[in-house]
Amino acid sequence: MKYKIETEKAPAAIGPYSQAVGIGNLIFVSGSLPVNPENSEIPECITEQTKLSLNNLKNVVESAGAEIGDICKTTVFLSDMKNFAEMNSVYMDFFKNTIFPARSAVEVSRLPKDVLVEIEAIAWKN
């Protein structure tokens, strides 16, 4: 059965979608934007935006009863591939104590709220 996953520790959905949806043990997390859920502020640099996007993603995954190590697949959307190395450094540090998830990273022409990065994920809840 499909169920909705929601937390106040990550930005609320800004459209007709859920922060995440679970189906059995699978968790599908919508794109996580670098928006501070407490004050809606967005950092300016790619490193801080990546940290915040990953932290928001972590909060959604944990609200579903899973952990960072349960993330199997991510997709990273970048507004400029020139930011890849800096994003990758933060990403590598974030997942350093786990098996790195499978990942795609793509450049897109524009992201919501004109952010520099958005990250979505699929996790498996044990």
PDB file of N, CA and C in Angstrom:
ATOM      1  N   MET A   1       0.829  -1.169   0.000  1.00  0.00           N
ATOM      2  CA  MET A   1       0.000   0.000   0.000  1.00  0.00           C
ATOM      3  C   MET A   1       0.882   1.244   0.000  1.00  0.00           C
ATOM      4  N   LYS A   2       0.497   2.239  -0.748  1.00  0.00           N
ATOM      5  CA  LYS A   2       1.220   3.498  -0.842  1.00  0.00           C
ATOM      6  C   LYS A   2       0.836   4.400   0.327  1.00  0.00           C
ATOM      7  N   TYR A   3       1.844   5.077   0.910  1.00  0.00           N
ATOM      8  CA  TYR A   3       1.575   5.988   2.017  1.00  0.00           C
ATOM      9  C   TYR A   3       2.448   7.239   1.892  1.00  0.00           C
ATOM     10  N   LYS A   4       1.955   8.332   2.463  1.00  0.00           N
ATOM     11  CA  LYS A   4       2.619   9.627   2.409  1.00  0.00           C
ATOM     12  C   LYS A   4       3.613   9.749   3.563  1.00  0.00           C
ATOM     13  N   ILE A   5       4.774  10.348   3.266  1.00  0.00           N
ATOM     14  CA  ILE A   5       5.800  10.606   4.274  1.00  0.00           C
ATOM     15  C   ILE A   5       5.995  12.113   4.336  1.00  0.00           C
ATOM     16  N   GLU A   6       5.976  12.636   5.555  1.00  0.00           N
ATOM     17  CA  GLU A   6       6.025  14.087   5.716  1.00  0.00           C
ATOM     18  C   GLU A   6       6.729  14.440   7.020  1.00  0.00           C
ATOM     19  N   THR A   7       7.501  15.523   7.011  1.00  0.00           N
ATOM     20  CA  THR A   7       8.147  16.013   8.217  1.00  0.00           C
ATOM     21  C   THR A   7       8.258  17.535   8.176  1.00  0.00           C
ATOM     22  N   GLU A   8       8.219  18.139   9.327  1.00  0.00           N
ATOM     23  CA  GLU A   8       8.430  19.588   9.430  1.00  0.00           C
ATOM     24  C   GLU A   8       9.919  19.922   9.431  1.00  0.00           C
ATOM     25  N   LYS A   9      10.777  18.916   9.466  1.00  0.00           N
ATOM     26  CA  LYS A   9      12.221  19.115   9.479  1.00  0.00           C
ATOM     27  C   LYS A   9      12.800  19.283   8.076  1.00  0.00           C
ATOM     28  N   ALA A  10      11.929  19.382   7.087  1.00  0.00           N
ATOM     29  CA  ALA A  10      12.323  19.625   5.704  1.00  0.00           C
ATOM     30  C   ALA A  10      11.289  20.579   5.118  1.00  0.00           C
ATOM     31  N   PRO A  11      11.650  21.290   4.049  1.00  0.00           N
ATOM     32  CA  PRO A  11      10.690  22.230   3.456  1.00  0.00           C
ATOM     33  C   PRO A  11       9.405  21.523   3.023  1.00  0.00           C
ATOM     34  N   ALA A  12       8.292  22.183   3.236  1.00  0.00           N
ATOM     35  CA  ALA A  12       7.003  21.652   2.790  1.00  0.00           C
ATOM     36  C   ALA A  12       6.973  21.615   1.263  1.00  0.00           C
ATOM     37  N   ALA A  13       6.188  20.725   0.732  1.00  0.00           N
ATOM     38  CA  ALA A  13       6.009  20.655  -0.720  1.00  0.00           C
ATOM     39  C   ALA A  13       5.454  21.985  -1.218  1.00  0.00           C
ATOM     40  N   ILE A  14       5.981  22.470  -2.350  1.00  0.00           N
ATOM     41  CA  ILE A  14       5.524  23.746  -2.899  1.00  0.00           C
ATOM     42  C   ILE A  14       4.614  23.533  -4.108  1.00  0.00           C
ATOM     43  N   GLY A  15       4.084  22.353  -4.228  1.00  0.00           N
ATOM     44  CA  GLY A  15       3.204  22.033  -5.347  1.00  0.00           C
ATOM     45  C   GLY A  15       2.419  20.782  -5.027  1.00  0.00           C
ATOM     46  N   PRO A  16       1.781  20.215  -6.037  1.00  0.00           N
ATOM     47  CA  PRO A  16       0.958  19.019  -5.829  1.00  0.00           C
ATOM     48  C   PRO A  16       1.787  17.732  -5.809  1.00  0.00           C
ATOM     49  N   TYR A  17       2.611  17.607  -4.775  1.00  0.00           N
ATOM     50  CA  TYR A  17       3.416  16.401  -4.594  1.00  0.00           C
ATOM     51  C   TYR A  17       3.678  16.203  -3.108  1.00  0.00           C
ATOM     52  N   SER A  18       4.192  15.048  -2.737  1.00  0.00           N
ATOM     53  CA  SER A  18       4.538  14.732  -1.353  1.00  0.00           C
ATOM     54  C   SER A  18       6.043  14.851  -1.169  1.00  0.00           C
ATOM     55  N   GLN A  19       6.477  15.129   0.065  1.00  0.00           N
ATOM     56  CA  GLN A  19       7.916  15.128   0.345  1.00  0.00           C
ATOM     57  C   GLN A  19       8.494  13.761  -0.008  1.00  0.00           C
ATOM     58  N   ALA A  20       7.743  12.724   0.325  1.00  0.00           N
ATOM     59  CA  ALA A  20       8.143  11.361  -0.024  1.00  0.00           C
ATOM     60  C   ALA A  20       6.915  10.474   0.004  1.00  0.00           C
ATOM     61  N   VAL A  21       7.047   9.338  -0.667  1.00  0.00           N
ATOM     62  CA  VAL A  21       5.988   8.335  -0.692  1.00  0.00           C
ATOM     63  C   VAL A  21       6.641   6.991  -0.427  1.00  0.00           C
ATOM     64  N   GLY A  22       6.010   6.198   0.418  1.00  0.00           N
ATOM     65  CA  GLY A  22       6.486   4.859   0.691  1.00  0.00           C
ATOM     66  C   GLY A  22       5.579   3.836   0.037  1.00  0.00           C
ATOM     67  N   ILE A  23       6.192   2.771  -0.434  1.00  0.00           N
ATOM     68  CA  ILE A  23       5.457   1.619  -0.955  1.00  0.00           C
ATOM     69  C   ILE A  23       6.163   0.398  -0.378  1.00  0.00           C
ATOM     70  N   GLY A  24       5.527  -0.240   0.594  1.00  0.00           N
ATOM     71  CA  GLY A  24       6.197  -1.330   1.299  1.00  0.00           C
ATOM     72  C   GLY A  24       7.435  -0.798   1.989  1.00  0.00           C
ATOM     73  N   ASN A  25       8.575  -1.393   1.701  1.00  0.00           N
ATOM     74  CA  ASN A  25       9.837  -0.958   2.304  1.00  0.00           C
ATOM     75  C   ASN A  25      10.585   0.085   1.482  1.00  0.00           C
ATOM     76  N   LEU A  26      10.055   0.438   0.321  1.00  0.00           N
ATOM     77  CA  LEU A  26      10.699   1.439  -0.527  1.00  0.00           C
ATOM     78  C   LEU A  26      10.228   2.837  -0.163  1.00  0.00           C
ATOM     79  N   ILE A  27      11.169   3.790  -0.195  1.00  0.00           N
ATOM     80  CA  ILE A  27      10.872   5.190   0.077  1.00  0.00           C
ATOM     81  C   ILE A  27      11.344   6.006  -1.121  1.00  0.00           C
ATOM     82  N   PHE A  28      10.440   6.737  -1.734  1.00  0.00           N
ATOM     83  CA  PHE A  28      10.752   7.592  -2.877  1.00  0.00           C
ATOM     84  C   PHE A  28      10.696   9.037  -2.392  1.00  0.00           C
ATOM     85  N   VAL A  29      11.854   9.686  -2.319  1.00  0.00           N
ATOM     86  CA  VAL A  29      11.932  11.052  -1.803  1.00  0.00           C
ATOM     87  C   VAL A  29      11.966  12.031  -2.966  1.00  0.00           C
ATOM     88  N   SER A  30      11.062  12.998  -2.930  1.00  0.00           N
ATOM     89  CA  SER A  30      11.033  14.042  -3.952  1.00  0.00           C
ATOM     90  C   SER A  30      12.320  14.853  -3.908  1.00  0.00           C
ATOM     91  N   GLY A  31      12.555  15.629  -4.945  1.00  0.00           N
ATOM     92  CA  GLY A  31      13.732  16.480  -4.993  1.00  0.00           C
ATOM     93  C   GLY A  31      13.818  17.370  -3.763  1.00  0.00           C
ATOM     94  N   SER A  32      14.957  17.323  -3.107  1.00  0.00           N
ATOM     95  CA  SER A  32      15.195  18.096  -1.896  1.00  0.00           C
ATOM     96  C   SER A  32      15.917  19.387  -2.253  1.00  0.00           C
ATOM     97  N   LEU A  33      15.265  20.485  -1.978  1.00  0.00           N
ATOM     98  CA  LEU A  33      15.847  21.800  -2.254  1.00  0.00           C
ATOM     99  C   LEU A  33      16.625  22.303  -1.044  1.00  0.00           C
ATOM    100  N   PRO A  34      17.585  23.195  -1.257  1.00  0.00           N
ATOM    101  CA  PRO A  34      18.363  23.755  -0.157  1.00  0.00           C
ATOM    102  C   PRO A  34      17.640  24.931   0.511  1.00  0.00           C
ATOM    103  N   VAL A  35      16.460  24.645   1.021  1.00  0.00           N
ATOM    104  CA  VAL A  35      15.657  25.665   1.694  1.00  0.00           C
ATOM    105  C   VAL A  35      15.615  25.318   3.180  1.00  0.00           C
ATOM    106  N   ASN A  36      15.991  26.281   4.016  1.00  0.00           N
ATOM    107  CA  ASN A  36      15.951  26.063   5.453  1.00  0.00           C
ATOM    108  C   ASN A  36      14.491  25.949   5.882  1.00  0.00           C
ATOM    109  N   PRO A  37      14.079  24.824   6.470  1.00  0.00           N
ATOM    110  CA  PRO A  37      12.671  24.639   6.818  1.00  0.00           C
ATOM    111  C   PRO A  37      12.197  25.557   7.958  1.00  0.00           C
ATOM    112  N   GLU A  38      13.128  26.134   8.705  1.00  0.00           N
ATOM    113  CA  GLU A  38      12.753  27.009   9.822  1.00  0.00           C
ATOM    114  C   GLU A  38      12.475  28.441   9.387  1.00  0.00           C
ATOM    115  N   ASN A  39      13.218  28.926   8.373  1.00  0.00           N
ATOM    116  CA  ASN A  39      13.053  30.336   7.989  1.00  0.00           C
ATOM    117  C   ASN A  39      12.972  30.559   6.483  1.00  0.00           C
ATOM    118  N   SER A  40      12.954  29.496   5.713  1.00  0.00           N
ATOM    119  CA  SER A  40      12.847  29.530   4.243  1.00  0.00           C
ATOM    120  C   SER A  40      14.036  30.184   3.545  1.00  0.00           C
ATOM    121  N   GLU A  41      15.125  30.395   4.257  1.00  0.00           N
ATOM    122  CA  GLU A  41      16.309  30.988   3.637  1.00  0.00           C
ATOM    123  C   GLU A  41      17.045  29.962   2.787  1.00  0.00           C
ATOM    124  N   ILE A  42      17.725  30.458   1.761  1.00  0.00           N
ATOM    125  CA  ILE A  42      18.506  29.635   0.844  1.00  0.00           C
ATOM    126  C   ILE A  42      19.938  30.158   0.848  1.00  0.00           C
ATOM    127  N   PRO A  43      20.913  29.314   1.194  1.00  0.00           N
ATOM    128  CA  PRO A  43      22.312  29.766   1.145  1.00  0.00           C
ATOM    129  C   PRO A  43      22.705  30.126  -0.286  1.00  0.00           C
ATOM    130  N   GLU A  44      23.761  30.907  -0.426  1.00  0.00           N
ATOM    131  CA  GLU A  44      24.169  31.344  -1.757  1.00  0.00           C
ATOM    132  C   GLU A  44      25.136  30.394  -2.454  1.00  0.00           C
ATOM    133  N   CYS A  45      26.055  29.759  -1.705  1.00  0.00           N
ATOM    134  CA  CYS A  45      27.104  28.963  -2.365  1.00  0.00           C
ATOM    135  C   CYS A  45      26.685  27.503  -2.528  1.00  0.00           C
ATOM    136  N   ILE A  46      27.307  26.847  -3.485  1.00  0.00           N
ATOM    137  CA  ILE A  46      26.961  25.458  -3.807  1.00  0.00           C
ATOM    138  C   ILE A  46      27.264  24.522  -2.648  1.00  0.00           C
ATOM    139  N   THR A  47      28.335  24.752  -1.896  1.00  0.00           N
ATOM    140  CA  THR A  47      28.645  23.840  -0.794  1.00  0.00           C
ATOM    141  C   THR A  47      27.575  23.900   0.288  1.00  0.00           C
ATOM    142  N   GLU A  48      27.160  25.079   0.655  1.00  0.00           N
ATOM    143  CA  GLU A  48      26.124  25.210   1.690  1.00  0.00           C
ATOM    144  C   GLU A  48      24.770  24.732   1.174  1.00  0.00           C
ATOM    145  N   GLN A  49      24.483  24.976  -0.103  1.00  0.00           N
ATOM    146  CA  GLN A  49      23.228  24.484  -0.676  1.00  0.00           C
ATOM    147  C   GLN A  49      23.215  22.948  -0.702  1.00  0.00           C
ATOM    148  N   THR A  50      24.338  22.344  -1.043  1.00  0.00           N
ATOM    149  CA  THR A  50      24.409  20.878  -1.071  1.00  0.00           C
ATOM    150  C   THR A  50      24.225  20.315   0.331  1.00  0.00           C
ATOM    151  N   LYS A  51      24.895  20.894   1.324  1.00  0.00           N
ATOM    152  CA  LYS A  51      24.751  20.445   2.708  1.00  0.00           C
ATOM    153  C   LYS A  51      23.291  20.507   3.146  1.00  0.00           C
ATOM    154  N   LEU A  52      22.625  21.614   2.842  1.00  0.00           N
ATOM    155  CA  LEU A  52      21.238  21.780   3.270  1.00  0.00           C
ATOM    156  C   LEU A  52      20.306  20.829   2.519  1.00  0.00           C
ATOM    157  N   SER A  53      20.523  20.641   1.229  1.00  0.00           N
ATOM    158  CA  SER A  53      19.694  19.694   0.464  1.00  0.00           C
ATOM    159  C   SER A  53      19.840  18.286   1.035  1.00  0.00           C
ATOM    160  N   LEU A  54      21.061  17.885   1.323  1.00  0.00           N
ATOM    161  CA  LEU A  54      21.296  16.548   1.876  1.00  0.00           C
ATOM    162  C   LEU A  54      20.722  16.416   3.282  1.00  0.00           C
ATOM    163  N   ASN A  55      20.831  17.461   4.081  1.00  0.00           N
ATOM    164  CA  ASN A  55      20.255  17.414   5.428  1.00  0.00           C
ATOM    165  C   ASN A  55      18.730  17.314   5.360  1.00  0.00           C
ATOM    166  N   ASN A  56      18.102  18.060   4.455  1.00  0.00           N
ATOM    167  CA  ASN A  56      16.653  17.963   4.277  1.00  0.00           C
ATOM    168  C   ASN A  56      16.263  16.561   3.815  1.00  0.00           C
ATOM    169  N   LEU A  57      17.039  16.006   2.904  1.00  0.00           N
ATOM    170  CA  LEU A  57      16.810  14.645   2.420  1.00  0.00           C
ATOM    171  C   LEU A  57      16.913  13.652   3.585  1.00  0.00           C
ATOM    172  N   LYS A  58      17.945  13.798   4.397  1.00  0.00           N
ATOM    173  CA  LYS A  58      18.149  12.948   5.567  1.00  0.00           C
ATOM    174  C   LYS A  58      16.950  13.023   6.514  1.00  0.00           C
ATOM    175  N   ASN A  59      16.452  14.223   6.754  1.00  0.00           N
ATOM    176  CA  ASN A  59      15.310  14.381   7.659  1.00  0.00           C
ATOM    177  C   ASN A  59      14.057  13.700   7.143  1.00  0.00           C
ATOM    178  N   VAL A  60      13.839  13.739   5.846  1.00  0.00           N
ATOM    179  CA  VAL A  60      12.677  13.053   5.263  1.00  0.00           C
ATOM    180  C   VAL A  60      12.856  11.539   5.388  1.00  0.00           C
ATOM    181  N   VAL A  61      14.033  11.047   5.044  1.00  0.00           N
ATOM    182  CA  VAL A  61      14.309   9.604   5.130  1.00  0.00           C
ATOM    183  C   VAL A  61      14.150   9.114   6.565  1.00  0.00           C
ATOM    184  N   GLU A  62      14.683   9.873   7.515  1.00  0.00           N
ATOM    185  CA  GLU A  62      14.583   9.466   8.921  1.00  0.00           C
ATOM    186  C   GLU A  62      13.147   9.524   9.422  1.00  0.00           C
ATOM    187  N   SER A  63      12.348  10.462   8.915  1.00  0.00           N
ATOM    188  CA  SER A  63      10.943  10.531   9.338  1.00  0.00           C
ATOM    189  C   SER A  63      10.162   9.307   8.871  1.00  0.00           C
ATOM    190  N   ALA A  64      10.705   8.612   7.875  1.00  0.00           N
ATOM    191  CA  ALA A  64      10.078   7.386   7.374  1.00  0.00           C
ATOM    192  C   ALA A  64      10.584   6.153   8.111  1.00  0.00           C
ATOM    193  N   GLY A  65      11.486   6.348   9.071  1.00  0.00           N
ATOM    194  CA  GLY A  65      12.016   5.223   9.832  1.00  0.00           C
ATOM    195  C   GLY A  65      13.247   4.580   9.211  1.00  0.00           C
ATOM    196  N   ALA A  66      13.873   5.264   8.276  1.00  0.00           N
ATOM    197  CA  ALA A  66      15.073   4.752   7.622  1.00  0.00           C
ATOM    198  C   ALA A  66      16.274   5.616   8.017  1.00  0.00           C
ATOM    199  N   GLU A  67      17.434   5.256   7.490  1.00  0.00           N
ATOM    200  CA  GLU A  67      18.670   5.974   7.785  1.00  0.00           C
ATOM    201  C   GLU A  67      19.376   6.325   6.485  1.00  0.00           C
ATOM    202  N   ILE A  68      20.374   7.186   6.597  1.00  0.00           N
ATOM    203  CA  ILE A  68      21.158   7.583   5.431  1.00  0.00           C
ATOM    204  C   ILE A  68      21.729   6.355   4.714  1.00  0.00           C
ATOM    205  N   GLY A  69      22.191   5.387   5.468  1.00  0.00           N
ATOM    206  CA  GLY A  69      22.759   4.182   4.877  1.00  0.00           C
ATOM    207  C   GLY A  69      21.757   3.347   4.101  1.00  0.00           C
ATOM    208  N   ASP A  70      20.470   3.646   4.255  1.00  0.00           N
ATOM    209  CA  ASP A  70      19.427   2.928   3.534  1.00  0.00           C
ATOM    210  C   ASP A  70      19.138   3.537   2.160  1.00  0.00           C
ATOM    211  N   ILE A  71      19.775   4.672   1.860  1.00  0.00           N
ATOM    212  CA  ILE A  71      19.578   5.302   0.549  1.00  0.00           C
ATOM    213  C   ILE A  71      20.318   4.489  -0.507  1.00  0.00           C
ATOM    214  N   CYS A  72      19.585   4.041  -1.527  1.00  0.00           N
ATOM    215  CA  CYS A  72      20.126   3.174  -2.574  1.00  0.00           C
ATOM    216  C   CYS A  72      20.492   3.938  -3.843  1.00  0.00           C
ATOM    217  N   LYS A  73      19.752   5.007  -4.135  1.00  0.00           N
ATOM    218  CA  LYS A  73      19.898   5.726  -5.411  1.00  0.00           C
ATOM    219  C   LYS A  73      19.611   7.193  -5.192  1.00  0.00           C
ATOM    220  N   THR A  74      20.432   8.055  -5.757  1.00  0.00           N
ATOM    221  CA  THR A  74      20.159   9.487  -5.753  1.00  0.00           C
ATOM    222  C   THR A  74      20.268  10.023  -7.170  1.00  0.00           C
ATOM    223  N   THR A  75      19.606  11.119  -7.388  1.00  0.00           N
ATOM    224  CA  THR A  75      19.780  11.895  -8.607  1.00  0.00           C
ATOM    225  C   THR A  75      20.067  13.319  -8.166  1.00  0.00           C
ATOM    226  N   VAL A  76      21.182  13.864  -8.654  1.00  0.00           N
ATOM    227  CA  VAL A  76      21.588  15.224  -8.322  1.00  0.00           C
ATOM    228  C   VAL A  76      21.349  16.085  -9.559  1.00  0.00           C
ATOM    229  N   PHE A  77      20.587  17.138  -9.380  1.00  0.00           N
ATOM    230  CA  PHE A  77      20.323  18.096 -10.449  1.00  0.00           C
ATOM    231  C   PHE A  77      21.129  19.356 -10.143  1.00  0.00           C
ATOM    232  N   LEU A  78      21.971  19.761 -11.082  1.00  0.00           N
ATOM    233  CA  LEU A  78      22.795  20.959 -10.919  1.00  0.00           C
ATOM    234  C   LEU A  78      22.415  21.998 -11.967  1.00  0.00           C
ATOM    235  N   SER A  79      22.360  23.247 -11.559  1.00  0.00           N
ATOM    236  CA  SER A  79      22.068  24.309 -12.526  1.00  0.00           C
ATOM    237  C   SER A  79      23.298  24.621 -13.380  1.00  0.00           C
ATOM    238  N   ASP A  80      24.486  24.184 -12.920  1.00  0.00           N
ATOM    239  CA  ASP A  80      25.719  24.408 -13.665  1.00  0.00           C
ATOM    240  C   ASP A  80      26.703  23.286 -13.313  1.00  0.00           C
ATOM    241  N   MET A  81      27.111  22.515 -14.301  1.00  0.00           N
ATOM    242  CA  MET A  81      28.020  21.401 -14.055  1.00  0.00           C
ATOM    243  C   MET A  81      29.379  21.880 -13.539  1.00  0.00           C
ATOM    244  N   LYS A  82      29.679  23.157 -13.653  1.00  0.00           N
ATOM    245  CA  LYS A  82      30.916  23.701 -13.081  1.00  0.00           C
ATOM    246  C   LYS A  82      30.921  23.555 -11.561  1.00  0.00           C
ATOM    247  N   ASN A  83      29.763  23.370 -10.955  1.00  0.00           N
ATOM    248  CA  ASN A  83      29.658  23.193  -9.507  1.00  0.00           C
ATOM    249  C   ASN A  83      29.801  21.730  -9.074  1.00  0.00           C
ATOM    250  N   PHE A  84      30.037  20.838 -10.029  1.00  0.00           N
ATOM    251  CA  PHE A  84      30.071  19.408  -9.723  1.00  0.00           C
ATOM    252  C   PHE A  84      31.117  19.047  -8.666  1.00  0.00           C
ATOM    253  N   ALA A  85      32.345  19.517  -8.809  1.00  0.00           N
ATOM    254  CA  ALA A  85      33.421  19.135  -7.890  1.00  0.00           C
ATOM    255  C   ALA A  85      33.106  19.556  -6.455  1.00  0.00           C
ATOM    256  N   GLU A  86      32.614  20.758  -6.276  1.00  0.00           N
ATOM    257  CA  GLU A  86      32.285  21.232  -4.926  1.00  0.00           C
ATOM    258  C   GLU A  86      31.101  20.447  -4.351  1.00  0.00           C
ATOM    259  N   MET A  87      30.081  20.210  -5.169  1.00  0.00           N
ATOM    260  CA  MET A  87      28.943  19.407  -4.726  1.00  0.00           C
ATOM    261  C   MET A  87      29.418  18.009  -4.360  1.00  0.00           C
ATOM    262  N   ASN A  88      30.261  17.424  -5.194  1.00  0.00           N
ATOM    263  CA  ASN A  88      30.722  16.056  -5.001  1.00  0.00           C
ATOM    264  C   ASN A  88      31.523  15.913  -3.707  1.00  0.00           C
ATOM    265  N   SER A  89      32.291  16.922  -3.355  1.00  0.00           N
ATOM    266  CA  SER A  89      33.071  16.892  -2.121  1.00  0.00           C
ATOM    267  C   SER A  89      32.154  16.834  -0.896  1.00  0.00           C
ATOM    268  N   VAL A  90      31.111  17.655  -0.884  1.00  0.00           N
ATOM    269  CA  VAL A  90      30.137  17.650   0.212  1.00  0.00           C
ATOM    270  C   VAL A  90      29.389  16.324   0.231  1.00  0.00           C
ATOM    271  N   TYR A  91      28.965  15.860  -0.936  1.00  0.00           N
ATOM    272  CA  TYR A  91      28.222  14.606  -1.077  1.00  0.00           C
ATOM    273  C   TYR A  91      29.051  13.432  -0.550  1.00  0.00           C
ATOM    274  N   MET A  92      30.331  13.383  -0.934  1.00  0.00           N
ATOM    275  CA  MET A  92      31.203  12.299  -0.513  1.00  0.00           C
ATOM    276  C   MET A  92      31.349  12.292   1.013  1.00  0.00           C
ATOM    277  N   ASP A  93      31.499  13.451   1.608  1.00  0.00           N
ATOM    278  CA  ASP A  93      31.618  13.543   3.065  1.00  0.00           C
ATOM    279  C   ASP A  93      30.325  13.114   3.749  1.00  0.00           C
ATOM    280  N   PHE A  94      29.182  13.473   3.186  1.00  0.00           N
ATOM    281  CA  PHE A  94      27.878  13.139   3.758  1.00  0.00           C
ATOM    282  C   PHE A  94      27.667  11.626   3.829  1.00  0.00           C
ATOM    283  N   PHE A  95      28.065  10.914   2.784  1.00  0.00           N
ATOM    284  CA  PHE A  95      27.853   9.466   2.704  1.00  0.00           C
ATOM    285  C   PHE A  95      29.099   8.656   3.092  1.00  0.00           C
ATOM    286  N   LYS A  96      30.108   9.286   3.686  1.00  0.00           N
ATOM    287  CA  LYS A  96      31.397   8.631   3.912  1.00  0.00           C
ATOM    288  C   LYS A  96      31.332   7.373   4.781  1.00  0.00           C
ATOM    289  N   ASN A  97      30.363   7.277   5.669  1.00  0.00           N
ATOM    290  CA  ASN A  97      30.277   6.108   6.547  1.00  0.00           C
ATOM    291  C   ASN A  97      29.275   5.069   6.062  1.00  0.00           C
ATOM    292  N   THR A  98      28.902   5.146   4.804  1.00  0.00           N
ATOM    293  CA  THR A  98      27.937   4.214   4.232  1.00  0.00           C
ATOM    294  C   THR A  98      28.472   3.688   2.903  1.00  0.00           C
ATOM    295  N   ILE A  99      27.759   2.736   2.335  1.00  0.00           N
ATOM    296  CA  ILE A  99      28.018   2.364   0.947  1.00  0.00           C
ATOM    297  C   ILE A  99      27.430   3.489   0.108  1.00  0.00           C
ATOM    298  N   PHE A 100      28.241   4.064  -0.770  1.00  0.00           N
ATOM    299  CA  PHE A 100      27.726   5.155  -1.596  1.00  0.00           C
ATOM    300  C   PHE A 100      26.541   4.670  -2.422  1.00  0.00           C
ATOM    301  N   PRO A 101      25.465   5.474  -2.462  1.00  0.00           N
ATOM    302  CA  PRO A 101      24.322   5.092  -3.299  1.00  0.00           C
ATOM    303  C   PRO A 101      24.694   5.141  -4.785  1.00  0.00           C
ATOM    304  N   ALA A 102      23.962   4.415  -5.592  1.00  0.00           N
ATOM    305  CA  ALA A 102      24.055   4.616  -7.035  1.00  0.00           C
ATOM    306  C   ALA A 102      23.616   6.055  -7.287  1.00  0.00           C
ATOM    307  N   ARG A 103      24.173   6.701  -8.304  1.00  0.00           N
ATOM    308  CA  ARG A 103      23.867   8.115  -8.489  1.00  0.00           C
ATOM    309  C   ARG A 103      23.921   8.529  -9.943  1.00  0.00           C
ATOM    310  N   SER A 104      23.058   9.462 -10.281  1.00  0.00           N
ATOM    311  CA  SER A 104      23.135  10.194 -11.542  1.00  0.00           C
ATOM    312  C   SER A 104      23.294  11.660 -11.177  1.00  0.00           C
ATOM    313  N   ALA A 105      24.043  12.391 -11.971  1.00  0.00           N
ATOM    314  CA  ALA A 105      24.179  13.834 -11.773  1.00  0.00           C
ATOM    315  C   ALA A 105      24.028  14.493 -13.135  1.00  0.00           C
ATOM    316  N   VAL A 106      23.102  15.420 -13.230  1.00  0.00           N
ATOM    317  CA  VAL A 106      22.827  16.057 -14.511  1.00  0.00           C
ATOM    318  C   VAL A 106      22.717  17.564 -14.350  1.00  0.00           C
ATOM    319  N   GLU A 107      23.071  18.254 -15.407  1.00  0.00           N
ATOM    320  CA  GLU A 107      22.875  19.702 -15.444  1.00  0.00           C
ATOM    321  C   GLU A 107      21.515  19.970 -16.065  1.00  0.00           C
ATOM    322  N   VAL A 108      20.795  20.899 -15.455  1.00  0.00           N
ATOM    323  CA  VAL A 108      19.488  21.306 -15.961  1.00  0.00           C
ATOM    324  C   VAL A 108      19.506  22.810 -16.209  1.00  0.00           C
ATOM    325  N   SER A 109      18.584  23.286 -17.008  1.00  0.00           N
ATOM    326  CA  SER A 109      18.606  24.705 -17.344  1.00  0.00           C
ATOM    327  C   SER A 109      18.162  25.605 -16.197  1.00  0.00           C
ATOM    328  N   ARG A 110      17.320  25.075 -15.311  1.00  0.00           N
ATOM    329  CA  ARG A 110      16.848  25.903 -14.194  1.00  0.00           C
ATOM    330  C   ARG A 110      16.190  25.005 -13.157  1.00  0.00           C
ATOM    331  N   LEU A 111      16.311  25.389 -11.892  1.00  0.00           N
ATOM    332  CA  LEU A 111      15.706  24.647 -10.788  1.00  0.00           C
ATOM    333  C   LEU A 111      14.727  25.549 -10.045  1.00  0.00           C
ATOM    334  N   PRO A 112      13.766  24.960  -9.316  1.00  0.00           N
ATOM    335  CA  PRO A 112      12.821  25.769  -8.551  1.00  0.00           C
ATOM    336  C   PRO A 112      13.552  26.734  -7.610  1.00  0.00           C
ATOM    337  N   LYS A 113      13.008  27.913  -7.468  1.00  0.00           N
ATOM    338  CA  LYS A 113      13.557  28.964  -6.600  1.00  0.00           C
ATOM    339  C   LYS A 113      14.954  29.385  -7.035  1.00  0.00           C
ATOM    340  N   ASP A 114      15.338  29.025  -8.260  1.00  0.00           N
ATOM    341  CA  ASP A 114      16.651  29.349  -8.821  1.00  0.00           C
ATOM    342  C   ASP A 114      17.816  28.867  -7.953  1.00  0.00           C
ATOM    343  N   VAL A 115      17.632  27.719  -7.291  1.00  0.00           N
ATOM    344  CA  VAL A 115      18.707  27.141  -6.492  1.00  0.00           C
ATOM    345  C   VAL A 115      19.763  26.535  -7.417  1.00  0.00           C
ATOM    346  N   LEU A 116      20.893  26.176  -6.837  1.00  0.00           N
ATOM    347  CA  LEU A 116      21.994  25.606  -7.605  1.00  0.00           C
ATOM    348  C   LEU A 116      21.964  24.087  -7.652  1.00  0.00           C
ATOM    349  N   VAL A 117      21.245  23.456  -6.691  1.00  0.00           N
ATOM    350  CA  VAL A 117      21.238  21.996  -6.602  1.00  0.00           C
ATOM    351  C   VAL A 117      19.908  21.497  -6.049  1.00  0.00           C
ATOM    352  N   GLU A 118      19.495  20.341  -6.498  1.00  0.00           N
ATOM    353  CA  GLU A 118      18.328  19.627  -5.973  1.00  0.00           C
ATOM    354  C   GLU A 118      18.696  18.143  -6.006  1.00  0.00           C
ATOM    355  N   ILE A 119      18.327  17.425  -4.928  1.00  0.00           N
ATOM    356  CA  ILE A 119      18.708  16.007  -4.844  1.00  0.00           C
ATOM    357  C   ILE A 119      17.494  15.162  -4.467  1.00  0.00           C
ATOM    358  N   GLU A 120      17.226  14.120  -5.246  1.00  0.00           N
ATOM    359  CA  GLU A 120      16.150  13.185  -4.945  1.00  0.00           C
ATOM    360  C   GLU A 120      16.760  11.837  -4.602  1.00  0.00           C
ATOM    361  N   ALA A 121      15.962  10.970  -3.968  1.00  0.00           N
ATOM    362  CA  ALA A 121      16.521   9.690  -3.538  1.00  0.00           C
ATOM    363  C   ALA A 121      15.473   8.592  -3.485  1.00  0.00           C
ATOM    364  N   ILE A 122      15.981   7.369  -3.514  1.00  0.00           N
ATOM    365  CA  ILE A 122      15.189   6.171  -3.247  1.00  0.00           C
ATOM    366  C   ILE A 122      15.922   5.433  -2.138  1.00  0.00           C
ATOM    367  N   ALA A 123      15.164   5.051  -1.110  1.00  0.00           N
ATOM    368  CA  ALA A 123      15.747   4.326   0.015  1.00  0.00           C
ATOM    369  C   ALA A 123      14.981   3.041   0.262  1.00  0.00           C
ATOM    370  N   TRP A 124      15.637   2.116   0.962  1.00  0.00           N
ATOM    371  CA  TRP A 124      15.043   0.841   1.344  1.00  0.00           C
ATOM    372  C   TRP A 124      15.037   0.783   2.860  1.00  0.00           C
ATOM    373  N   LYS A 125      13.855   0.731   3.447  1.00  0.00           N
ATOM    374  CA  LYS A 125      13.722   0.676   4.893  1.00  0.00           C
ATOM    375  C   LYS A 125      13.803  -0.773   5.358  1.00  0.00           C
ATOM    376  N   ASN A 126      14.795  -1.077   6.184  1.00  0.00           N
ATOM    377  CA  ASN A 126      14.959  -2.447   6.705  1.00  0.00           C
ATOM    378  C   ASN A 126      13.924  -2.778   7.748  1.00  0.00           C
TER     379      ASN A 126
END
